[in-house]
Amino acid sequence: MSLPKPSVSKTAWLRTIQAVLWSFVGLRQNSESQQDIEKLNPFHIIGVAIGAALLFVLGLIALVNWVVVQPSGL
């Protein structure tokens, strides 16, 4: 009994998310980025990148607000 293979769409989205996150970190081999350019949809990459950047900025804002609101022990 074998498990069903995930759909192409789901794996493409996961690969897109992985490629964008690696790009944010800056640790990517040239050969892997060339494969991504050939296989991934550019509109998906743009959408995921905008979403990840928005989440990053909102996370930083929440962190700053949390630090500023914390009572100081002085």
C-alpha atoms as a PDB file:
ATOM      1  CA  MET A   1       0.000   0.000   0.000  1.00  0.00           C
ATOM      2  CA  SER A   2       1.623   3.227  -1.149  1.00  0.00           C
ATOM      3  CA  LEU A   3       0.787   6.739  -0.136  1.00  0.00           C
ATOM      4  CA  PRO A   4      -0.588   9.067  -2.815  1.00  0.00           C
ATOM      5  CA  LYS A   5       1.937  11.494  -4.244  1.00  0.00           C
ATOM      6  CA  PRO A   6       1.344  15.154  -3.424  1.00  0.00           C
ATOM      7  CA  SER A   7      -0.068  17.227  -6.229  1.00  0.00           C
ATOM      8  CA  VAL A   8       2.283  19.184  -8.434  1.00  0.00           C
ATOM      9  CA  SER A   9       0.729  22.432  -7.286  1.00  0.00           C
ATOM     10  CA  LYS A  10       1.393  21.728  -3.596  1.00  0.00           C
ATOM     11  CA  THR A  11       5.010  20.756  -4.170  1.00  0.00           C
ATOM     12  CA  ALA A  12       5.542  23.771  -6.433  1.00  0.00           C
ATOM     13  CA  TRP A  13       4.248  26.091  -3.706  1.00  0.00           C
ATOM     14  CA  LEU A  14       6.455  24.436  -1.082  1.00  0.00           C
ATOM     15  CA  ARG A  15       9.483  24.705  -3.375  1.00  0.00           C
ATOM     16  CA  THR A  16       8.650  28.373  -4.010  1.00  0.00           C
ATOM     17  CA  ILE A  17       8.435  29.088  -0.275  1.00  0.00           C
ATOM     18  CA  GLN A  18      11.718  27.278   0.296  1.00  0.00           C
ATOM     19  CA  ALA A  19      13.443  29.227  -2.500  1.00  0.00           C
ATOM     20  CA  VAL A  20      12.200  32.574  -1.169  1.00  0.00           C
ATOM     21  CA  LEU A  21      13.257  31.800   2.399  1.00  0.00           C
ATOM     22  CA  TRP A  22      16.724  30.737   1.265  1.00  0.00           C
ATOM     23  CA  SER A  23      16.943  33.960  -0.741  1.00  0.00           C
ATOM     24  CA  PHE A  24      16.094  35.999   2.367  1.00  0.00           C
ATOM     25  CA  VAL A  25      18.921  34.308   4.244  1.00  0.00           C
ATOM     26  CA  GLY A  26      21.296  34.703   1.308  1.00  0.00           C
ATOM     27  CA  LEU A  27      22.655  31.155   1.358  1.00  0.00           C
ATOM     28  CA  ARG A  28      21.936  29.750  -2.072  1.00  0.00           C
ATOM     29  CA  GLN A  29      24.097  27.994  -4.625  1.00  0.00           C
ATOM     30  CA  ASN A  30      24.063  29.354  -8.154  1.00  0.00           C
ATOM     31  CA  SER A  31      23.081  26.000  -9.645  1.00  0.00           C
ATOM     32  CA  GLU A  32      20.058  25.717  -7.344  1.00  0.00           C
ATOM     33  CA  SER A  33      18.916  29.248  -8.122  1.00  0.00           C
ATOM     34  CA  GLN A  34      19.163  28.471 -11.852  1.00  0.00           C
ATOM     35  CA  GLN A  35      16.940  25.409 -11.339  1.00  0.00           C
ATOM     36  CA  ASP A  36      14.430  27.571  -9.488  1.00  0.00           C
ATOM     37  CA  ILE A  37      14.380  30.096 -12.326  1.00  0.00           C
ATOM     38  CA  GLU A  38      13.613  27.317 -14.800  1.00  0.00           C
ATOM     39  CA  LYS A  39      10.964  25.504 -12.747  1.00  0.00           C
ATOM     40  CA  LEU A  40       9.133  28.039 -10.574  1.00  0.00           C
ATOM     41  CA  ASN A  41       6.409  30.475 -11.542  1.00  0.00           C
ATOM     42  CA  PRO A  42       7.664  34.073 -11.198  1.00  0.00           C
ATOM     43  CA  PHE A  43       4.248  35.299 -10.004  1.00  0.00           C
ATOM     44  CA  HIS A  44       4.313  32.750  -7.189  1.00  0.00           C
ATOM     45  CA  ILE A  45       7.803  33.894  -6.204  1.00  0.00           C
ATOM     46  CA  ILE A  46       6.706  37.546  -6.105  1.00  0.00           C
ATOM     47  CA  GLY A  47       3.601  36.725  -4.057  1.00  0.00           C
ATOM     48  CA  VAL A  48       5.477  34.592  -1.545  1.00  0.00           C
ATOM     49  CA  ALA A  49       8.274  37.172  -1.253  1.00  0.00           C
ATOM     50  CA  ILE A  50       5.814  40.014  -0.570  1.00  0.00           C
ATOM     51  CA  GLY A  51       4.005  37.884   2.020  1.00  0.00           C
ATOM     52  CA  ALA A  52       7.234  36.866   3.746  1.00  0.00           C
ATOM     53  CA  ALA A  53       8.512  40.455   3.810  1.00  0.00           C
ATOM     54  CA  LEU A  54       5.198  41.630   5.270  1.00  0.00           C
ATOM     55  CA  LEU A  55       5.326  38.960   7.980  1.00  0.00           C
ATOM     56  CA  PHE A  56       8.936  39.905   8.764  1.00  0.00           C
ATOM     57  CA  VAL A  57       8.088  43.607   9.134  1.00  0.00           C
ATOM     58  CA  LEU A  58       4.998  42.883  11.247  1.00  0.00           C
ATOM     59  CA  GLY A  59       7.094  40.570  13.435  1.00  0.00           C
ATOM     60  CA  LEU A  60       9.680  43.309  13.968  1.00  0.00           C
ATOM     61  CA  ILE A  61       6.958  45.819  14.844  1.00  0.00           C
ATOM     62  CA  ALA A  62       5.427  43.393  17.337  1.00  0.00           C
ATOM     63  CA  LEU A  63       8.845  42.712  18.889  1.00  0.00           C
ATOM     64  CA  VAL A  64       9.605  46.419  19.290  1.00  0.00           C
ATOM     65  CA  ASN A  65       6.180  47.076  20.815  1.00  0.00           C
ATOM     66  CA  TRP A  66       6.656  44.174  23.226  1.00  0.00           C
ATOM     67  CA  VAL A  67      10.089  45.424  24.308  1.00  0.00           C
ATOM     68  CA  VAL A  68       8.900  49.029  24.747  1.00  0.00           C
ATOM     69  CA  VAL A  69       5.843  48.051  26.797  1.00  0.00           C
ATOM     70  CA  GLN A  70       7.796  45.803  29.194  1.00  0.00           C
ATOM     71  CA  PRO A  71       8.147  47.452  32.624  1.00  0.00           C
ATOM     72  CA  SER A  72      11.696  48.276  33.521  1.00  0.00           C
ATOM     73  CA  GLY A  73      13.134  47.097  36.815  1.00  0.00           C
ATOM     74  CA  LEU A  74      14.884  50.414  37.463  1.00  0.00           C
END
